[in-house]
Amino acid sequence: MAKHTIKGYIVWEKWHSDEQGKFGFAHYKPSTEQSTYVDRVLVCEHSFEVDVPDDFDPTPGLIASLEAQKTELRLKLARELMEIDTRISKLQALPMAGSEA
């Protein structure tokens, strides 16, 4: 096991749609700018140590994430193709009004 130090910031935040705020952890120092979606306040800087197995390999997690993205894109494409096919079918079903000559 290898020890790794995670550094960041304890923050309190409340999304405007929520009734109560909650504490969280951010890897970046929160901005002092106001947001239309969330009120965020810096509580303090903080760091903690974690034990990571020496043989940790992020590859399986990365592959799983890419597979999920691929599945999502396939579903999106299938929905869009179905919408196009539906439009084509509706156009093909319209009776053609012949012009009288």
PDB file of N, CA and C in Angstrom:
ATOM      1  N   MET A   1       0.843  -1.184   0.000  1.00  0.00           N
ATOM      2  CA  MET A   1       0.000   0.000   0.000  1.00  0.00           C
ATOM      3  C   MET A   1       0.883   1.241   0.000  1.00  0.00           C
ATOM      4  N   ALA A   2       0.455   2.197  -0.792  1.00  0.00           N
ATOM      5  CA  ALA A   2       1.171   3.476  -0.841  1.00  0.00           C
ATOM      6  C   ALA A   2       0.256   4.565  -0.300  1.00  0.00           C
ATOM      7  N   LYS A   3       0.832   5.443   0.493  1.00  0.00           N
ATOM      8  CA  LYS A   3       0.056   6.552   1.040  1.00  0.00           C
ATOM      9  C   LYS A   3       0.077   7.719   0.050  1.00  0.00           C
ATOM     10  N   HIS A   4      -1.108   8.278  -0.175  1.00  0.00           N
ATOM     11  CA  HIS A   4      -1.222   9.455  -1.030  1.00  0.00           C
ATOM     12  C   HIS A   4      -1.957  10.540  -0.252  1.00  0.00           C
ATOM     13  N   THR A   5      -1.482  11.774  -0.386  1.00  0.00           N
ATOM     14  CA  THR A   5      -2.115  12.890   0.297  1.00  0.00           C
ATOM     15  C   THR A   5      -3.034  13.608  -0.676  1.00  0.00           C
ATOM     16  N   ILE A   6      -4.274  13.741  -0.267  1.00  0.00           N
ATOM     17  CA  ILE A   6      -5.264  14.477  -1.056  1.00  0.00           C
ATOM     18  C   ILE A   6      -5.405  15.851  -0.425  1.00  0.00           C
ATOM     19  N   LYS A   7      -5.171  16.891  -1.219  1.00  0.00           N
ATOM     20  CA  LYS A   7      -5.283  18.264  -0.711  1.00  0.00           C
ATOM     21  C   LYS A   7      -6.468  18.949  -1.371  1.00  0.00           C
ATOM     22  N   GLY A   8      -7.145  19.760  -0.595  1.00  0.00           N
ATOM     23  CA  GLY A   8      -8.279  20.476  -1.155  1.00  0.00           C
ATOM     24  C   GLY A   8      -8.921  21.379  -0.126  1.00  0.00           C
ATOM     25  N   TYR A   9     -10.228  21.556  -0.263  1.00  0.00           N
ATOM     26  CA  TYR A   9     -10.954  22.523   0.552  1.00  0.00           C
ATOM     27  C   TYR A   9     -12.281  21.938   1.021  1.00  0.00           C
ATOM     28  N   ILE A  10     -12.572  22.150   2.285  1.00  0.00           N
ATOM     29  CA  ILE A  10     -13.893  21.834   2.809  1.00  0.00           C
ATOM     30  C   ILE A  10     -14.769  23.034   2.471  1.00  0.00           C
ATOM     31  N   VAL A  11     -15.924  22.764   1.871  1.00  0.00           N
ATOM     32  CA  VAL A  11     -16.836  23.842   1.478  1.00  0.00           C
ATOM     33  C   VAL A  11     -18.230  23.540   2.019  1.00  0.00           C
ATOM     34  N   TRP A  12     -18.979  24.586   2.196  1.00  0.00           N
ATOM     35  CA  TRP A  12     -20.413  24.455   2.488  1.00  0.00           C
ATOM     36  C   TRP A  12     -21.104  24.993   1.260  1.00  0.00           C
ATOM     37  N   GLU A  13     -22.096  24.256   0.758  1.00  0.00           N
ATOM     38  CA  GLU A  13     -22.802  24.729  -0.423  1.00  0.00           C
ATOM     39  C   GLU A  13     -24.283  24.424  -0.321  1.00  0.00           C
ATOM     40  N   LYS A  14     -25.051  25.281  -0.954  1.00  0.00           N
ATOM     41  CA  LYS A  14     -26.500  25.120  -0.980  1.00  0.00           C
ATOM     42  C   LYS A  14     -26.976  25.470  -2.380  1.00  0.00           C
ATOM     43  N   TRP A  15     -27.499  24.452  -3.061  1.00  0.00           N
ATOM     44  CA  TRP A  15     -28.083  24.695  -4.375  1.00  0.00           C
ATOM     45  C   TRP A  15     -29.381  25.451  -4.167  1.00  0.00           C
ATOM     46  N   HIS A  16     -29.690  26.358  -5.048  1.00  0.00           N
ATOM     47  CA  HIS A  16     -30.865  27.216  -4.867  1.00  0.00           C
ATOM     48  C   HIS A  16     -32.164  26.427  -4.831  1.00  0.00           C
ATOM     49  N   SER A  17     -32.167  25.234  -5.381  1.00  0.00           N
ATOM     50  CA  SER A  17     -33.376  24.405  -5.357  1.00  0.00           C
ATOM     51  C   SER A  17     -33.488  23.597  -4.058  1.00  0.00           C
ATOM     52  N   ASP A  18     -32.417  23.578  -3.256  1.00  0.00           N
ATOM     53  CA  ASP A  18     -32.422  22.812  -2.011  1.00  0.00           C
ATOM     54  C   ASP A  18     -32.897  23.668  -0.847  1.00  0.00           C
ATOM     55  N   GLU A  19     -33.415  22.994   0.171  1.00  0.00           N
ATOM     56  CA  GLU A  19     -33.828  23.713   1.369  1.00  0.00           C
ATOM     57  C   GLU A  19     -32.669  23.895   2.336  1.00  0.00           C
ATOM     58  N   GLN A  20     -31.752  22.922   2.369  1.00  0.00           N
ATOM     59  CA  GLN A  20     -30.633  22.995   3.295  1.00  0.00           C
ATOM     60  C   GLN A  20     -29.318  22.841   2.550  1.00  0.00           C
ATOM     61  N   GLY A  21     -28.272  23.404   3.140  1.00  0.00           N
ATOM     62  CA  GLY A  21     -26.943  23.255   2.564  1.00  0.00           C
ATOM     63  C   GLY A  21     -26.265  22.010   3.101  1.00  0.00           C
ATOM     64  N   LYS A  22     -25.095  21.716   2.551  1.00  0.00           N
ATOM     65  CA  LYS A  22     -24.332  20.555   3.014  1.00  0.00           C
ATOM     66  C   LYS A  22     -22.850  20.838   2.854  1.00  0.00           C
ATOM     67  N   PHE A  23     -22.044  20.097   3.598  1.00  0.00           N
ATOM     68  CA  PHE A  23     -20.606  20.220   3.510  1.00  0.00           C
ATOM     69  C   PHE A  23     -20.087  19.279   2.437  1.00  0.00           C
ATOM     70  N   GLY A  24     -19.011  19.686   1.798  1.00  0.00           N
ATOM     71  CA  GLY A  24     -18.420  18.867   0.759  1.00  0.00           C
ATOM     72  C   GLY A  24     -16.928  19.116   0.672  1.00  0.00           C
ATOM     73  N   PHE A  25     -16.296  18.483  -0.296  1.00  0.00           N
ATOM     74  CA  PHE A  25     -14.859  18.606  -0.509  1.00  0.00           C
ATOM     75  C   PHE A  25     -14.635  18.996  -1.962  1.00  0.00           C
ATOM     76  N   ALA A  26     -13.762  19.960  -2.175  1.00  0.00           N
ATOM     77  CA  ALA A  26     -13.430  20.397  -3.536  1.00  0.00           C
ATOM     78  C   ALA A  26     -11.912  20.355  -3.717  1.00  0.00           C
ATOM     79  N   HIS A  27     -11.475  19.945  -4.887  1.00  0.00           N
ATOM     80  CA  HIS A  27     -10.042  19.906  -5.183  1.00  0.00           C
ATOM     81  C   HIS A  27      -9.513  21.282  -5.567  1.00  0.00           C
ATOM     82  N   TYR A  28     -10.390  22.215  -5.780  1.00  0.00           N
ATOM     83  CA  TYR A  28     -10.004  23.558  -6.201  1.00  0.00           C
ATOM     84  C   TYR A  28     -10.556  24.562  -5.200  1.00  0.00           C
ATOM     85  N   LYS A  29      -9.899  25.711  -5.105  1.00  0.00           N
ATOM     86  CA  LYS A  29     -10.369  26.751  -4.195  1.00  0.00           C
ATOM     87  C   LYS A  29     -11.623  27.375  -4.796  1.00  0.00           C
ATOM     88  N   PRO A  30     -12.711  27.385  -4.043  1.00  0.00           N
ATOM     89  CA  PRO A  30     -13.959  27.923  -4.583  1.00  0.00           C
ATOM     90  C   PRO A  30     -13.835  29.394  -4.942  1.00  0.00           C
ATOM     91  N   SER A  31     -14.508  29.774  -5.991  1.00  0.00           N
ATOM     92  CA  SER A  31     -14.513  31.154  -6.447  1.00  0.00           C
ATOM     93  C   SER A  31     -15.351  32.011  -5.501  1.00  0.00           C
ATOM     94  N   THR A  32     -15.010  33.267  -5.420  1.00  0.00           N
ATOM     95  CA  THR A  32     -15.803  34.187  -4.601  1.00  0.00           C
ATOM     96  C   THR A  32     -16.958  34.769  -5.406  1.00  0.00           C
ATOM     97  N   GLU A  33     -17.004  34.473  -6.709  1.00  0.00           N
ATOM     98  CA  GLU A  33     -18.097  34.967  -7.553  1.00  0.00           C
ATOM     99  C   GLU A  33     -19.410  34.312  -7.157  1.00  0.00           C
ATOM    100  N   GLN A  34     -20.474  35.055  -7.244  1.00  0.00           N
ATOM    101  CA  GLN A  34     -21.800  34.512  -6.969  1.00  0.00           C
ATOM    102  C   GLN A  34     -22.252  33.689  -8.170  1.00  0.00           C
ATOM    103  N   SER A  35     -22.967  32.619  -7.887  1.00  0.00           N
ATOM    104  CA  SER A  35     -23.487  31.755  -8.933  1.00  0.00           C
ATOM    105  C   SER A  35     -25.006  31.815  -8.926  1.00  0.00           C
ATOM    106  N   THR A  36     -25.579  31.623 -10.078  1.00  0.00           N
ATOM    107  CA  THR A  36     -27.046  31.608 -10.144  1.00  0.00           C
ATOM    108  C   THR A  36     -27.619  30.302  -9.637  1.00  0.00           C
ATOM    109  N   TYR A  37     -26.781  29.276  -9.487  1.00  0.00           N
ATOM    110  CA  TYR A  37     -27.271  27.953  -9.126  1.00  0.00           C
ATOM    111  C   TYR A  37     -26.939  27.534  -7.698  1.00  0.00           C
ATOM    112  N   VAL A  38     -25.812  28.009  -7.178  1.00  0.00           N
ATOM    113  CA  VAL A  38     -25.350  27.492  -5.888  1.00  0.00           C
ATOM    114  C   VAL A  38     -24.666  28.597  -5.088  1.00  0.00           C
ATOM    115  N   ASP A  39     -24.907  28.573  -3.773  1.00  0.00           N
ATOM    116  CA  ASP A  39     -24.141  29.411  -2.851  1.00  0.00           C
ATOM    117  C   ASP A  39     -23.054  28.520  -2.270  1.00  0.00           C
ATOM    118  N   ARG A  40     -21.807  28.929  -2.383  1.00  0.00           N
ATOM    119  CA  ARG A  40     -20.696  28.107  -1.910  1.00  0.00           C
ATOM    120  C   ARG A  40     -19.793  28.965  -1.038  1.00  0.00           C
ATOM    121  N   VAL A  41     -19.424  28.422   0.126  1.00  0.00           N
ATOM    122  CA  VAL A  41     -18.573  29.138   1.065  1.00  0.00           C
ATOM    123  C   VAL A  41     -17.391  28.249   1.428  1.00  0.00           C
ATOM    124  N   LEU A  42     -16.192  28.820   1.399  1.00  0.00           N
ATOM    125  CA  LEU A  42     -14.986  28.100   1.807  1.00  0.00           C
ATOM    126  C   LEU A  42     -14.985  27.982   3.327  1.00  0.00           C
ATOM    127  N   VAL A  43     -14.867  26.761   3.835  1.00  0.00           N
ATOM    128  CA  VAL A  43     -14.791  26.541   5.282  1.00  0.00           C
ATOM    129  C   VAL A  43     -13.329  26.546   5.708  1.00  0.00           C
ATOM    130  N   CYS A  44     -12.503  25.700   5.086  1.00  0.00           N
ATOM    131  CA  CYS A  44     -11.074  25.669   5.402  1.00  0.00           C
ATOM    132  C   CYS A  44     -10.337  24.790   4.398  1.00  0.00           C
ATOM    133  N   GLU A  45      -9.009  24.969   4.367  1.00  0.00           N
ATOM    134  CA  GLU A  45      -8.171  24.055   3.589  1.00  0.00           C
ATOM    135  C   GLU A  45      -8.082  22.750   4.366  1.00  0.00           C
ATOM    136  N   HIS A  46      -7.921  21.645   3.656  1.00  0.00           N
ATOM    137  CA  HIS A  46      -7.838  20.362   4.354  1.00  0.00           C
ATOM    138  C   HIS A  46      -7.060  19.372   3.500  1.00  0.00           C
ATOM    139  N   SER A  47      -6.376  18.464   4.150  1.00  0.00           N
ATOM    140  CA  SER A  47      -5.716  17.374   3.433  1.00  0.00           C
ATOM    141  C   SER A  47      -5.888  16.105   4.255  1.00  0.00           C
ATOM    142  N   PHE A  48      -5.890  14.988   3.568  1.00  0.00           N
ATOM    143  CA  PHE A  48      -5.987  13.705   4.252  1.00  0.00           C
ATOM    144  C   PHE A  48      -5.218  12.672   3.451  1.00  0.00           C
ATOM    145  N   GLU A  49      -4.828  11.612   4.151  1.00  0.00           N
ATOM    146  CA  GLU A  49      -4.057  10.555   3.504  1.00  0.00           C
ATOM    147  C   GLU A  49      -4.937   9.351   3.238  1.00  0.00           C
ATOM    148  N   VAL A  50      -4.682   8.715   2.128  1.00  0.00           N
ATOM    149  CA  VAL A  50      -5.392   7.487   1.789  1.00  0.00           C
ATOM    150  C   VAL A  50      -4.361   6.422   1.412  1.00  0.00           C
ATOM    151  N   ASP A  51      -4.707   5.182   1.712  1.00  0.00           N
ATOM    152  CA  ASP A  51      -3.876   4.053   1.300  1.00  0.00           C
ATOM    153  C   ASP A  51      -4.389   3.544  -0.038  1.00  0.00           C
ATOM    154  N   VAL A  52      -3.507   3.525  -1.026  1.00  0.00           N
ATOM    155  CA  VAL A  52      -3.864   3.027  -2.353  1.00  0.00           C
ATOM    156  C   VAL A  52      -3.030   1.775  -2.598  1.00  0.00           C
ATOM    157  N   PRO A  53      -3.689   0.692  -3.004  1.00  0.00           N
ATOM    158  CA  PRO A  53      -2.921  -0.537  -3.271  1.00  0.00           C
ATOM    159  C   PRO A  53      -1.817  -0.286  -4.304  1.00  0.00           C
ATOM    160  N   ASP A  54      -0.684  -0.905  -4.083  1.00  0.00           N
ATOM    161  CA  ASP A  54       0.450  -0.732  -5.004  1.00  0.00           C
ATOM    162  C   ASP A  54       0.114  -1.207  -6.415  1.00  0.00           C
ATOM    163  N   ASP A  55      -0.787  -2.176  -6.521  1.00  0.00           N
ATOM    164  CA  ASP A  55      -1.128  -2.708  -7.838  1.00  0.00           C
ATOM    165  C   ASP A  55      -2.373  -2.049  -8.428  1.00  0.00           C
ATOM    166  N   PHE A  56      -2.760  -0.864  -7.923  1.00  0.00           N
ATOM    167  CA  PHE A  56      -3.950  -0.188  -8.442  1.00  0.00           C
ATOM    168  C   PHE A  56      -3.775   0.109  -9.929  1.00  0.00           C
ATOM    169  N   ASP A  57      -4.777  -0.254 -10.706  1.00  0.00           N
ATOM    170  CA  ASP A  57      -4.763  -0.021 -12.151  1.00  0.00           C
ATOM    171  C   ASP A  57      -6.069   0.676 -12.540  1.00  0.00           C
ATOM    172  N   PRO A  58      -6.006   1.911 -13.011  1.00  0.00           N
ATOM    173  CA  PRO A  58      -7.227   2.625 -13.384  1.00  0.00           C
ATOM    174  C   PRO A  58      -7.843   2.143 -14.695  1.00  0.00           C
ATOM    175  N   THR A  59      -7.134   1.291 -15.441  1.00  0.00           N
ATOM    176  CA  THR A  59      -7.586   0.867 -16.771  1.00  0.00           C
ATOM    177  C   THR A  59      -8.989   0.255 -16.779  1.00  0.00           C
ATOM    178  N   PRO A  60      -9.331  -0.689 -15.890  1.00  0.00           N
ATOM    179  CA  PRO A  60     -10.688  -1.249 -15.934  1.00  0.00           C
ATOM    180  C   PRO A  60     -11.779  -0.191 -15.725  1.00  0.00           C
ATOM    181  N   GLY A  61     -11.546   0.749 -14.827  1.00  0.00           N
ATOM    182  CA  GLY A  61     -12.518   1.821 -14.604  1.00  0.00           C
ATOM    183  C   GLY A  61     -12.652   2.733 -15.807  1.00  0.00           C
ATOM    184  N   LEU A  62     -11.524   3.034 -16.445  1.00  0.00           N
ATOM    185  CA  LEU A  62     -11.555   3.879 -17.642  1.00  0.00           C
ATOM    186  C   LEU A  62     -12.297   3.173 -18.778  1.00  0.00           C
ATOM    187  N   ILE A  63     -12.035   1.883 -18.942  1.00  0.00           N
ATOM    188  CA  ILE A  63     -12.715   1.115 -19.995  1.00  0.00           C
ATOM    189  C   ILE A  63     -14.215   1.070 -19.727  1.00  0.00           C
ATOM    190  N   ALA A  64     -14.611   0.844 -18.474  1.00  0.00           N
ATOM    191  CA  ALA A  64     -16.031   0.803 -18.122  1.00  0.00           C
ATOM    192  C   ALA A  64     -16.703   2.144 -18.419  1.00  0.00           C
ATOM    193  N   SER A  65     -16.022   3.226 -18.134  1.00  0.00           N
ATOM    194  CA  SER A  65     -16.566   4.550 -18.422  1.00  0.00           C
ATOM    195  C   SER A  65     -16.739   4.763 -19.926  1.00  0.00           C
ATOM    196  N   LEU A  66     -15.756   4.354 -20.703  1.00  0.00           N
ATOM    197  CA  LEU A  66     -15.847   4.486 -22.160  1.00  0.00           C
ATOM    198  C   LEU A  66     -16.955   3.608 -22.732  1.00  0.00           C
ATOM    199  N   GLU A  67     -17.106   2.404 -22.190  1.00  0.00           N
ATOM    200  CA  GLU A  67     -18.184   1.512 -22.645  1.00  0.00           C
ATOM    201  C   GLU A  67     -19.546   2.141 -22.346  1.00  0.00           C
ATOM    202  N   ALA A  68     -19.686   2.775 -21.177  1.00  0.00           N
ATOM    203  CA  ALA A  68     -20.939   3.436 -20.826  1.00  0.00           C
ATOM    204  C   ALA A  68     -21.219   4.604 -21.779  1.00  0.00           C
ATOM    205  N   GLN A  69     -20.177   5.365 -22.117  1.00  0.00           N
ATOM    206  CA  GLN A  69     -20.339   6.466 -23.075  1.00  0.00           C
ATOM    207  C   GLN A  69     -20.772   5.932 -24.440  1.00  0.00           C
ATOM    208  N   LYS A  70     -20.166   4.830 -24.854  1.00  0.00           N
ATOM    209  CA  LYS A  70     -20.491   4.218 -26.136  1.00  0.00           C
ATOM    210  C   LYS A  70     -21.953   3.770 -26.159  1.00  0.00           C
ATOM    211  N   THR A  71     -22.408   3.139 -25.084  1.00  0.00           N
ATOM    212  CA  THR A  71     -23.802   2.703 -24.984  1.00  0.00           C
ATOM    213  C   THR A  71     -24.751   3.890 -25.051  1.00  0.00           C
ATOM    214  N   GLU A  72     -24.410   4.944 -24.325  1.00  0.00           N
ATOM    215  CA  GLU A  72     -25.254   6.140 -24.322  1.00  0.00           C
ATOM    216  C   GLU A  72     -25.344   6.759 -25.723  1.00  0.00           C
ATOM    217  N   LEU A  73     -24.229   6.819 -26.422  1.00  0.00           N
ATOM    218  CA  LEU A  73     -24.228   7.364 -27.789  1.00  0.00           C
ATOM    219  C   LEU A  73     -25.036   6.488 -28.742  1.00  0.00           C
ATOM    220  N   ARG A  74     -24.937   5.163 -28.573  1.00  0.00           N
ATOM    221  CA  ARG A  74     -25.726   4.259 -29.426  1.00  0.00           C
ATOM    222  C   ARG A  74     -27.218   4.479 -29.210  1.00  0.00           C
ATOM    223  N   LEU A  75     -27.626   4.635 -27.936  1.00  0.00           N
ATOM    224  CA  LEU A  75     -29.043   4.883 -27.636  1.00  0.00           C
ATOM    225  C   LEU A  75     -29.503   6.210 -28.220  1.00  0.00           C
ATOM    226  N   LYS A  76     -28.655   7.229 -28.090  1.00  0.00           N
ATOM    227  CA  LYS A  76     -29.007   8.546 -28.635  1.00  0.00           C
ATOM    228  C   LYS A  76     -29.153   8.467 -30.153  1.00  0.00           C
ATOM    229  N   LEU A  77     -28.210   7.813 -30.815  1.00  0.00           N
ATOM    230  CA  LEU A  77     -28.272   7.662 -32.266  1.00  0.00           C
ATOM    231  C   LEU A  77     -29.521   6.880 -32.678  1.00  0.00           C
ATOM    232  N   ALA A  78     -29.837   5.817 -31.945  1.00  0.00           N
ATOM    233  CA  ALA A  78     -31.022   5.015 -32.270  1.00  0.00           C
ATOM    234  C   ALA A  78     -32.293   5.862 -32.153  1.00  0.00           C
ATOM    235  N   ARG A  79     -32.381   6.704 -31.116  1.00  0.00           N
ATOM    236  CA  ARG A  79     -33.554   7.582 -30.963  1.00  0.00           C
ATOM    237  C   ARG A  79     -33.648   8.576 -32.125  1.00  0.00           C
ATOM    238  N   GLU A  80     -32.521   9.169 -32.494  1.00  0.00           N
ATOM    239  CA  GLU A  80     -32.521  10.142 -33.592  1.00  0.00           C
ATOM    240  C   GLU A  80     -32.881   9.475 -34.914  1.00  0.00           C
ATOM    241  N   LEU A  81     -32.342   8.282 -35.161  1.00  0.00           N
ATOM    242  CA  LEU A  81     -32.675   7.561 -36.394  1.00  0.00           C
ATOM    243  C   LEU A  81     -34.157   7.200 -36.427  1.00  0.00           C
ATOM    244  N   MET A  82     -34.715   6.817 -35.284  1.00  0.00           N
ATOM    245  CA  MET A  82     -36.125   6.480 -35.216  1.00  0.00           C
ATOM    246  C   MET A  82     -36.990   7.714 -35.524  1.00  0.00           C
ATOM    247  N   GLU A  83     -36.576   8.870 -35.017  1.00  0.00           N
ATOM    248  CA  GLU A  83     -37.315  10.104 -35.311  1.00  0.00           C
ATOM    249  C   GLU A  83     -37.277  10.418 -36.806  1.00  0.00           C
ATOM    250  N   ILE A  84     -36.113  10.246 -37.421  1.00  0.00           N
ATOM    251  CA  ILE A  84     -35.987  10.497 -38.863  1.00  0.00           C
ATOM    252  C   ILE A  84     -36.840   9.508 -39.645  1.00  0.00           C
ATOM    253  N   ASP A  85     -36.788   8.224 -39.271  1.00  0.00           N
ATOM    254  CA  ASP A  85     -37.605   7.215 -39.956  1.00  0.00           C
ATOM    255  C   ASP A  85     -39.094   7.519 -39.815  1.00  0.00           C
ATOM    256  N   THR A  86     -39.502   7.993 -38.654  1.00  0.00           N
ATOM    257  CA  THR A  86     -40.905   8.351 -38.441  1.00  0.00           C
ATOM    258  C   THR A  86     -41.308   9.501 -39.360  1.00  0.00           C
ATOM    259  N   ARG A  87     -40.454  10.497 -39.472  1.00  0.00           N
ATOM    260  CA  ARG A  87     -40.752  11.633 -40.364  1.00  0.00           C
ATOM    261  C   ARG A  87     -40.846  11.177 -41.819  1.00  0.00           C
ATOM    262  N   ILE A  88     -39.919  10.283 -42.221  1.00  0.00           N
ATOM    263  CA  ILE A  88     -39.941   9.772 -43.595  1.00  0.00           C
ATOM    264  C   ILE A  88     -41.238   9.012 -43.837  1.00  0.00           C
ATOM    265  N   SER A  89     -41.633   8.159 -42.888  1.00  0.00           N
ATOM    266  CA  SER A  89     -42.866   7.380 -43.035  1.00  0.00           C
ATOM    267  C   SER A  89     -44.086   8.278 -43.167  1.00  0.00           C
ATOM    268  N   LYS A  90     -44.121   9.337 -42.382  1.00  0.00           N
ATOM    269  CA  LYS A  90     -45.259  10.257 -42.450  1.00  0.00           C
ATOM    270  C   LYS A  90     -45.306  10.970 -43.798  1.00  0.00           C
ATOM    271  N   LEU A  91     -44.129  11.323 -44.303  1.00  0.00           N
ATOM    272  CA  LEU A  91     -44.097  11.981 -45.609  1.00  0.00           C
ATOM    273  C   LEU A  91     -44.512  11.025 -46.717  1.00  0.00           C
ATOM    274  N   GLN A  92     -44.111   9.766 -46.635  1.00  0.00           N
ATOM    275  CA  GLN A  92     -44.467   8.789 -47.641  1.00  0.00           C
ATOM    276  C   GLN A  92     -45.953   8.447 -47.599  1.00  0.00           C
ATOM    277  N   ALA A  93     -46.594   8.633 -46.462  1.00  0.00           N
ATOM    278  CA  ALA A  93     -47.998   8.300 -46.306  1.00  0.00           C
ATOM    279  C   ALA A  93     -48.922   9.433 -46.794  1.00  0.00           C
ATOM    280  N   LEU A  94     -48.344  10.595 -47.050  1.00  0.00           N
ATOM    281  CA  LEU A  94     -49.177  11.722 -47.518  1.00  0.00           C
ATOM    282  C   LEU A  94     -49.655  11.461 -48.928  1.00  0.00           C
ATOM    283  N   PRO A  95     -50.946  11.665 -49.180  1.00  0.00           N
ATOM    284  CA  PRO A  95     -51.420  11.506 -50.544  1.00  0.00           C
ATOM    285  C   PRO A  95     -50.927  12.659 -51.416  1.00  0.00           C
ATOM    286  N   MET A  96     -50.522  12.344 -52.595  1.00  0.00           N
ATOM    287  CA  MET A  96     -50.074  13.380 -53.512  1.00  0.00           C
ATOM    288  C   MET A  96     -51.273  13.969 -54.236  1.00  0.00           C
ATOM    289  N   ALA A  97     -51.391  15.257 -54.179  1.00  0.00           N
ATOM    290  CA  ALA A  97     -52.476  15.946 -54.907  1.00  0.00           C
ATOM    291  C   ALA A  97     -52.007  16.187 -56.327  1.00  0.00           C
ATOM    292  N   GLY A  98     -52.656  15.540 -57.302  1.00  0.00           N
ATOM    293  CA  GLY A  98     -52.246  15.707 -58.686  1.00  0.00           C
ATOM    294  C   GLY A  98     -52.702  17.057 -59.202  1.00  0.00           C
ATOM    295  N   SER A  99     -51.908  17.641 -60.059  1.00  0.00           N
ATOM    296  CA  SER A  99     -52.285  18.925 -60.628  1.00  0.00           C
ATOM    297  C   SER A  99     -53.166  18.672 -61.854  1.00  0.00           C
ATOM    298  N   GLU A 100     -54.170  19.459 -61.989  1.00  0.00           N
ATOM    299  CA  GLU A 100     -55.101  19.318 -63.102  1.00  0.00           C
ATOM    300  C   GLU A 100     -54.537  20.127 -64.270  1.00  0.00           C
ATOM    301  N   ALA A 101     -54.305  19.486 -65.377  1.00  0.00           N
ATOM    302  CA  ALA A 101     -53.773  20.207 -66.533  1.00  0.00           C
ATOM    303  C   ALA A 101     -54.767  20.302 -67.637  1.00  0.00           C
TER     304      ALA A 101
END
